N, C-alpha and C. Protein backbone atom coordinates (compact mmCIF):
# COMPACT_ATOMS: atom_id res chain seq x y z
N UNK A 1 -4.08 27.24 14.99
CA UNK A 1 -3.47 26.13 14.55
C UNK A 1 -2.02 25.86 15.18
N UNK A 2 -1.57 24.74 15.67
CA UNK A 2 -0.39 24.71 16.03
C UNK A 2 0.21 24.00 15.07
N UNK A 3 1.94 23.80 15.45
CA UNK A 3 2.78 23.32 14.26
C UNK A 3 2.43 21.55 14.09
N UNK A 4 2.81 20.90 13.12
CA UNK A 4 2.51 19.62 13.06
C UNK A 4 3.94 19.44 12.97
N UNK A 5 4.13 18.01 13.91
CA UNK A 5 5.38 17.56 14.29
C UNK A 5 5.36 15.92 13.76
N UNK A 6 6.14 15.55 13.32
CA UNK A 6 5.97 13.90 13.06
C UNK A 6 6.71 12.91 14.48
N UNK A 7 6.08 11.67 14.52
CA UNK A 7 6.63 11.02 15.84
C UNK A 7 7.63 10.14 14.92
N UNK A 8 8.55 9.63 15.75
CA UNK A 8 9.54 9.08 15.35
C UNK A 8 9.16 7.66 14.61
N UNK A 9 9.64 6.99 13.79
CA UNK A 9 8.99 5.95 13.09
C UNK A 9 9.67 4.91 13.53
N UNK A 10 9.03 3.47 13.86
CA UNK A 10 9.24 2.12 14.14
C UNK A 10 9.78 1.43 13.19
N UNK A 11 11.65 0.90 13.25
CA UNK A 11 12.25 0.10 12.44
C UNK A 11 11.96 -1.28 12.67
N UNK A 12 11.24 -1.99 11.60
CA UNK A 12 11.18 -3.25 11.28
C UNK A 12 12.42 -4.30 11.01
N UNK A 13 11.79 -5.29 11.51
CA UNK A 13 13.20 -6.37 11.13
C UNK A 13 13.88 -6.45 9.67
N UNK A 14 13.09 -6.24 8.76
CA UNK A 14 13.89 -6.14 7.41
C UNK A 14 14.84 -4.74 7.63
N UNK A 15 14.72 -3.80 8.27
CA UNK A 15 15.59 -2.63 8.48
C UNK A 15 14.66 -1.43 7.80
N UNK A 16 13.59 -1.27 7.14
CA UNK A 16 12.44 -0.63 7.25
C UNK A 16 11.84 -0.02 7.77
N UNK A 17 11.42 1.21 7.55
CA UNK A 17 10.21 1.46 9.10
C UNK A 17 9.14 1.86 8.84
N UNK A 18 8.32 1.99 9.57
CA UNK A 18 6.80 2.23 9.29
C UNK A 18 6.77 3.48 10.14
N UNK A 19 5.63 4.12 9.93
CA UNK A 19 4.81 5.43 10.91
C UNK A 19 4.54 4.82 12.16
N UNK A 20 5.17 5.67 13.42
CA UNK A 20 4.85 5.41 14.72
C UNK A 20 3.19 5.11 14.95
N UNK A 21 2.79 6.51 14.55
CA UNK A 21 1.48 6.31 14.84
C UNK A 21 0.42 6.04 13.78
N UNK A 22 -0.57 5.82 13.87
CA UNK A 22 -1.37 5.06 12.65
C UNK A 22 -2.80 5.26 12.81
N UNK A 23 -3.65 4.83 12.41
CA UNK A 23 -5.08 5.18 12.52
C UNK A 23 -5.70 3.65 12.63
N UNK A 24 -6.86 3.70 14.24
CA UNK A 24 -6.82 2.44 14.29
C UNK A 24 -8.49 2.42 13.39
N UNK A 25 -8.50 1.27 13.38
CA UNK A 25 -10.39 1.05 12.65
C UNK A 25 -10.89 0.05 13.65
N UNK A 26 -10.25 -0.56 14.97
CA UNK A 26 -11.07 -1.62 15.41
C UNK A 26 -12.64 -0.85 15.88
N UNK A 27 -13.89 -1.46 15.73
CA UNK A 27 -14.94 -1.39 16.08
C UNK A 27 -15.65 -0.34 14.84
N UNK A 28 -15.50 0.04 13.94
CA UNK A 28 -15.57 0.72 12.76
C UNK A 28 -16.65 -0.10 12.22
N UNK A 29 -17.57 0.32 11.42
CA UNK A 29 -18.50 -0.81 10.26
C UNK A 29 -17.55 -0.19 8.92
N UNK A 30 -17.57 -1.27 7.83
CA UNK A 30 -17.31 -0.86 7.03
C UNK A 30 -17.53 0.74 6.57
N UNK A 31 -18.36 0.96 6.56
CA UNK A 31 -18.67 2.41 5.68
C UNK A 31 -17.98 3.60 6.62
N UNK A 32 -18.04 3.45 8.24
CA UNK A 32 -16.90 4.26 8.37
C UNK A 32 -15.55 4.15 8.07
N UNK A 33 -15.01 2.78 8.28
CA UNK A 33 -13.61 2.62 7.81
C UNK A 33 -13.02 3.40 6.87
N UNK A 34 -14.02 3.25 5.75
CA UNK A 34 -13.69 4.05 4.38
C UNK A 34 -14.18 5.24 4.52
N UNK A 35 -14.52 6.28 5.38
CA UNK A 35 -15.04 7.44 5.47
C UNK A 35 -13.43 8.08 6.49
N UNK A 36 -12.95 7.28 7.39
CA UNK A 36 -12.13 7.46 8.23
C UNK A 36 -10.67 7.31 7.53
N UNK A 37 -10.62 6.15 6.90
CA UNK A 37 -9.25 5.79 6.30
C UNK A 37 -9.32 6.98 4.98
N UNK A 38 -10.18 7.26 4.53
CA UNK A 38 -10.08 8.09 3.23
C UNK A 38 -9.30 9.36 3.87
N UNK A 39 -10.24 10.01 5.08
CA UNK A 39 -9.75 11.10 5.57
C UNK A 39 -7.89 11.47 5.97
N UNK A 40 -7.90 10.29 7.08
CA UNK A 40 -6.49 9.96 7.15
C UNK A 40 -5.78 10.02 6.01
N UNK A 41 -5.58 9.12 5.04
CA UNK A 41 -4.87 9.26 4.03
C UNK A 41 -4.66 10.45 3.40
N UNK A 42 -5.57 11.25 3.18
CA UNK A 42 -5.36 12.66 2.92
C UNK A 42 -4.90 13.54 3.40
N UNK A 43 -4.91 13.36 4.82
CA UNK A 43 -4.14 14.37 5.89
C UNK A 43 -2.57 13.80 6.33
N UNK A 44 -2.21 12.50 5.40
CA UNK A 44 -1.02 12.13 5.36
C UNK A 44 -0.66 10.81 5.99
N UNK A 45 -1.29 10.09 6.77
CA UNK A 45 -1.23 9.11 7.61
C UNK A 45 -0.99 8.03 6.57
N UNK A 46 0.16 7.05 6.95
CA UNK A 46 0.42 6.06 5.71
C UNK A 46 0.64 4.90 6.52
N UNK A 47 -0.41 4.41 7.83
CA UNK A 47 -0.46 3.07 8.70
C UNK A 47 -1.75 3.53 9.41
N UNK A 48 -2.22 2.21 9.00
CA UNK A 48 -3.60 1.86 9.09
C UNK A 48 -3.54 0.63 9.82
N UNK A 49 -4.14 0.35 10.95
CA UNK A 49 -4.16 -0.52 11.89
C UNK A 49 -5.17 -1.55 11.50
N UNK A 50 -5.29 -2.67 10.99
CA UNK A 50 -6.75 -3.42 10.72
C UNK A 50 -6.36 -4.70 10.92
N UNK A 51 -7.17 -5.58 10.82
CA UNK A 51 -7.37 -6.88 11.43
C UNK A 51 -8.45 -7.78 10.62
N UNK A 52 -8.49 -8.95 9.92
CA UNK A 52 -9.89 -9.43 9.82
C UNK A 52 -10.92 -9.68 10.52
N UNK A 53 -10.05 -9.98 11.97
CA UNK A 53 -11.34 -10.08 13.09
C UNK A 53 -12.11 -8.51 13.42
N UNK A 54 -11.53 -7.61 13.02
CA UNK A 54 -12.32 -6.47 12.98
C UNK A 54 -13.49 -6.04 11.95
N UNK A 55 -13.66 -7.35 11.05
CA UNK A 55 -14.07 -7.09 9.73
C UNK A 55 -14.75 -6.01 9.34
N UNK A 56 -13.75 -5.02 9.30
CA UNK A 56 -13.88 -3.76 8.26
C UNK A 56 -12.94 -3.42 7.34
N UNK A 57 -12.35 -5.01 6.66
CA UNK A 57 -11.07 -4.57 6.23
C UNK A 57 -11.72 -4.07 4.21
N UNK A 58 -12.95 -4.71 4.13
CA UNK A 58 -13.57 -4.19 2.67
C UNK A 58 -14.12 -2.73 2.86
N UNK A 59 -13.91 -1.94 3.83
CA UNK A 59 -14.53 -0.69 4.07
C UNK A 59 -12.77 -0.14 3.71
N UNK A 60 -11.88 -0.40 4.67
CA UNK A 60 -10.24 0.03 4.49
C UNK A 60 -9.94 -0.65 3.11
N UNK A 61 -10.24 -1.45 2.55
CA UNK A 61 -9.61 -1.77 1.04
C UNK A 61 -10.65 -0.73 0.00
N UNK A 62 -11.66 -0.42 0.43
CA UNK A 62 -12.43 0.67 -0.71
C UNK A 62 -11.53 2.01 -0.44
N UNK A 63 -11.25 2.10 0.89
CA UNK A 63 -10.45 3.58 0.93
C UNK A 63 -9.12 3.95 0.30
N UNK A 64 -8.43 2.77 0.44
CA UNK A 64 -6.77 2.63 -0.09
C UNK A 64 -6.98 2.45 -1.60
N UNK A 65 -8.29 1.94 -2.22
CA UNK A 65 -8.46 1.43 -3.68
C UNK A 65 -8.52 3.27 -3.97
N UNK A 66 -9.24 3.90 -3.41
CA UNK A 66 -9.71 5.12 -4.09
C UNK A 66 -8.94 6.13 -4.07
N UNK A 67 -8.03 5.76 -3.23
CA UNK A 67 -6.89 6.79 -3.03
C UNK A 67 -5.89 7.12 -4.12
N UNK A 68 -4.98 7.93 -3.78
CA UNK A 68 -3.94 8.50 -4.67
C UNK A 68 -2.77 7.22 -4.78
N UNK A 69 -2.83 6.50 -3.76
CA UNK A 69 -1.26 5.47 -3.04
C UNK A 69 -1.19 4.14 -4.44
N UNK A 70 0.04 4.62 -4.60
CA UNK A 70 0.55 3.13 -6.04
C UNK A 70 0.17 2.06 -5.52
N UNK A 71 -0.33 0.88 -6.39
CA UNK A 71 -0.50 -0.24 -6.21
C UNK A 71 -0.68 -0.74 -7.48
N UNK A 72 0.06 -2.24 -7.53
CA UNK A 72 0.35 -2.68 -9.06
C UNK A 72 -1.07 -3.16 -8.91
N UNK A 73 -1.92 -3.13 -10.04
CA UNK A 73 -3.04 -3.51 -10.26
C UNK A 73 -2.99 -4.94 -11.06
N UNK A 74 -4.21 -5.35 -10.71
CA UNK A 74 -4.30 -7.04 -11.89
C UNK A 74 -3.47 -6.64 -13.22
N UNK A 75 -4.22 -5.91 -13.71
CA UNK A 75 -3.68 -6.18 -14.96
C UNK A 75 -2.18 -5.60 -15.67
N UNK A 76 -1.74 -4.99 -14.40
CA UNK A 76 -0.12 -5.35 -14.90
C UNK A 76 0.67 -6.37 -14.01
N UNK A 77 0.07 -7.24 -13.54
CA UNK A 77 0.94 -8.33 -13.18
C UNK A 77 1.78 -9.21 -14.63
N UNK A 78 2.63 -9.35 -13.76
CA UNK A 78 3.77 -10.46 -14.71
C UNK A 78 5.06 -9.66 -14.87
N UNK A 79 6.05 -10.15 -15.34
CA UNK A 79 7.44 -9.75 -15.47
C UNK A 79 7.28 -8.39 -16.03
N UNK A 80 6.51 -8.61 -17.64
CA UNK A 80 6.64 -7.84 -18.68
C UNK A 80 5.87 -6.42 -18.54
N UNK A 81 4.52 -6.82 -17.21
CA UNK A 81 3.71 -5.50 -17.11
C UNK A 81 3.93 -4.99 -16.01
N UNK A 82 4.71 -5.30 -15.00
CA UNK A 82 4.80 -4.74 -13.52
C UNK A 82 5.82 -3.67 -13.69
N UNK A 83 6.62 -3.08 -14.52
CA UNK A 83 7.67 -1.77 -14.90
C UNK A 83 6.82 -0.88 -15.18
N UNK A 84 6.11 -1.05 -16.09
CA UNK A 84 5.40 0.26 -16.86
C UNK A 84 4.13 0.30 -15.66
N UNK A 85 3.65 -0.48 -15.30
CA UNK A 85 2.48 0.01 -14.18
C UNK A 85 3.44 0.98 -12.58
N UNK A 86 4.50 0.47 -12.73
CA UNK A 86 5.32 1.17 -12.10
C UNK A 86 5.46 2.53 -12.06
N UNK A 87 5.89 2.37 -13.11
CA UNK A 87 6.28 3.59 -14.06
C UNK A 87 5.44 4.61 -13.99
N UNK A 88 4.58 4.30 -14.63
CA UNK A 88 3.20 5.07 -14.96
C UNK A 88 2.54 5.62 -13.21
N UNK A 89 2.60 4.70 -12.20
CA UNK A 89 2.17 5.77 -11.18
C UNK A 89 3.17 6.87 -10.59
N UNK A 90 4.70 6.19 -10.85
CA UNK A 90 5.71 7.31 -10.56
C UNK A 90 5.43 8.62 -11.43
N UNK A 91 5.15 8.45 -12.47
CA UNK A 91 4.99 9.63 -13.27
C UNK A 91 3.90 10.54 -12.99
N UNK A 92 2.82 9.78 -12.62
CA UNK A 92 1.38 10.17 -11.87
C UNK A 92 1.91 11.09 -10.57
N UNK A 93 2.24 10.38 -9.82
CA UNK A 93 2.66 11.17 -8.54
C UNK A 93 4.13 12.34 -8.74
N UNK A 94 4.36 11.86 -9.44
CA UNK A 94 5.35 12.98 -9.84
C UNK A 94 6.98 12.65 -8.74
N UNK A 95 7.16 11.65 -8.75
CA UNK A 95 8.36 10.69 -7.75
C UNK A 95 8.90 9.72 -8.50
N UNK A 96 10.23 9.56 -7.86
CA UNK A 96 11.21 8.70 -8.77
C UNK A 96 10.96 7.49 -7.58
N UNK A 97 10.54 7.12 -6.49
CA UNK A 97 10.19 5.92 -5.80
C UNK A 97 9.41 6.47 -4.98
N UNK A 98 8.88 4.87 -4.50
CA UNK A 98 7.54 4.91 -3.50
C UNK A 98 7.64 4.34 -2.43
N UNK A 99 7.47 4.31 -1.09
CA UNK A 99 7.44 3.81 0.17
C UNK A 99 7.30 2.66 0.10
N UNK A 100 6.36 2.28 -0.03
CA UNK A 100 5.70 1.40 -0.46
C UNK A 100 5.23 0.51 -1.45
N UNK A 101 5.04 -0.39 -2.14
CA UNK A 101 4.44 -0.89 -3.14
C UNK A 101 3.27 -2.22 -2.92
N UNK A 102 2.47 -2.54 -3.10
CA UNK A 102 1.95 -3.56 -2.99
C UNK A 102 1.11 -3.99 -4.37
N UNK A 103 1.39 -5.74 -4.18
CA UNK A 103 0.51 -6.24 -5.23
C UNK A 103 -1.14 -6.43 -4.54
N UNK A 104 -1.57 -5.78 -5.88
CA UNK A 104 -3.32 -5.60 -5.27
C UNK A 104 -3.97 -7.09 -5.14
N UNK A 105 -3.70 -7.83 -5.83
CA UNK A 105 -3.97 -9.31 -5.72
C UNK A 105 -3.40 -10.16 -6.60
N UNK A 106 -3.55 -11.50 -6.01
CA UNK A 106 -2.57 -12.37 -6.71
C UNK A 106 -3.03 -12.68 -7.92
N UNK A 107 -4.47 -12.75 -8.30
CA UNK A 107 -4.94 -13.34 -9.85
C UNK A 107 -4.39 -14.83 -10.17
N UNK A 108 -4.76 -16.10 -9.03
CA UNK A 108 -4.28 -17.13 -9.11
C UNK A 108 -4.35 -17.53 -10.54
N UNK A 109 -5.54 -17.43 -11.41
CA UNK A 109 -5.69 -18.15 -12.41
C UNK A 109 -4.82 -17.74 -13.78
N UNK A 110 -4.08 -16.34 -13.47
CA UNK A 110 -3.06 -16.38 -14.18
C UNK A 110 -1.72 -16.98 -14.13
N UNK A 111 -1.39 -17.19 -13.08
CA UNK A 111 -0.25 -17.85 -12.63
C UNK A 111 1.11 -16.95 -12.82
N UNK A 112 0.83 -15.54 -12.60
CA UNK A 112 1.71 -14.64 -12.51
C UNK A 112 2.27 -13.78 -11.09
N UNK A 113 1.77 -14.42 -10.40
CA UNK A 113 2.07 -13.31 -9.02
C UNK A 113 3.49 -14.07 -8.63
N UNK A 114 4.01 -15.01 -8.40
CA UNK A 114 5.47 -15.49 -8.20
C UNK A 114 6.66 -14.17 -8.81
N UNK A 115 6.28 -14.38 -10.53
CA UNK A 115 7.11 -13.47 -11.30
C UNK A 115 6.99 -12.29 -10.78
N UNK A 116 5.78 -11.81 -10.58
CA UNK A 116 5.34 -10.57 -10.42
C UNK A 116 5.92 -9.51 -8.85
N UNK A 117 5.98 -11.21 -7.71
CA UNK A 117 6.56 -10.62 -6.64
C UNK A 117 8.01 -10.28 -6.90
N UNK A 118 8.62 -11.10 -7.60
CA UNK A 118 10.06 -11.33 -7.73
C UNK A 118 10.40 -9.90 -8.78
N UNK A 119 9.67 -9.56 -9.80
CA UNK A 119 9.81 -8.06 -10.22
C UNK A 119 9.97 -7.19 -9.09
N UNK A 120 8.86 -6.89 -8.06
CA UNK A 120 9.21 -6.17 -7.13
C UNK A 120 10.53 -6.26 -6.64
N UNK A 121 10.85 -7.26 -6.01
CA UNK A 121 12.00 -7.38 -5.18
C UNK A 121 13.37 -6.71 -6.06
N UNK A 122 13.05 -7.07 -7.76
CA UNK A 122 14.11 -6.03 -8.56
C UNK A 122 13.83 -4.43 -8.52
N UNK A 123 12.37 -4.15 -8.01
CA UNK A 123 12.20 -2.59 -8.20
C UNK A 123 12.88 -2.29 -6.45
N UNK A 124 12.74 -2.54 -5.62
CA UNK A 124 13.32 -2.71 -4.36
C UNK A 124 14.68 -2.32 -4.42
N UNK A 125 15.20 -3.39 -4.93
CA UNK A 125 16.75 -3.55 -5.73
C UNK A 125 17.59 -2.24 -6.44
N UNK A 126 16.60 -1.70 -7.34
CA UNK A 126 16.84 -0.74 -7.75
C UNK A 126 16.48 0.43 -6.94
N UNK A 127 16.07 0.95 -6.23
CA UNK A 127 15.51 1.71 -5.56
C UNK A 127 14.14 2.33 -5.72
N UNK A 128 13.52 1.62 -6.52
CA UNK A 128 12.41 2.40 -6.97
C UNK A 128 11.51 2.41 -6.14
N UNK A 129 11.61 1.42 -5.10
CA UNK A 129 10.74 1.25 -4.12
C UNK A 129 11.46 0.48 -2.97
N UNK A 130 10.73 1.19 -1.68
CA UNK A 130 11.35 1.14 -0.49
C UNK A 130 11.41 -0.40 0.02
N UNK A 131 9.74 -0.57 0.52
CA UNK A 131 9.38 -1.68 0.49
C UNK A 131 8.51 -2.32 -0.03
N UNK A 132 8.23 -3.67 -0.37
CA UNK A 132 6.72 -4.55 -0.87
C UNK A 132 6.30 -4.84 -0.09
N UNK A 133 4.98 -5.67 -0.66
CA UNK A 133 4.24 -6.03 0.19
C UNK A 133 3.08 -6.99 -0.92
N UNK A 134 2.07 -7.52 0.06
CA UNK A 134 0.82 -7.93 -1.03
C UNK A 134 -0.52 -7.66 0.02
N UNK A 135 -1.66 -7.44 -0.57
CA UNK A 135 -2.70 -7.13 -0.05
C UNK A 135 -3.92 -7.89 -0.89
N UNK A 136 -4.93 -7.96 -0.48
CA UNK A 136 -6.21 -8.79 -0.62
C UNK A 136 -5.61 -10.44 -1.37
N UNK A 137 -4.85 -11.07 -0.57
CA UNK A 137 -4.63 -12.49 -0.69
C UNK A 137 -5.42 -12.85 -0.02
N UNK A 138 -6.03 -14.20 -0.34
CA UNK A 138 -6.88 -14.92 0.64
C UNK A 138 -6.15 -15.96 1.28
């Protein structure tokens, strides 16, 4: 088996970077995407290329949700709950920061996603996360 090497990252407009190589899931079914993304995440991939038109975002989402990658879960939204949620993830992972932290779902009935987003901005300023984002927003 050969030596593993990393491809250079691509720098985004906000100054952050993403892995140049990622897993594309075009033309995969949900079940195929779940299996492929799960395996890719286990082997170190951190860039998955998907789109609504691929019609397999459910499968990609299942793989991400089943992974150990940190996400801010619904129950942890709001200014007072987001920090303990992140701290718990960092502790479980044995890390002092994560590269990407996402709000998993906006939970609009709670009305806390704006303050949750503001808290994620604070986490980024504190160096607890490098980049922030959202997923599963309709």
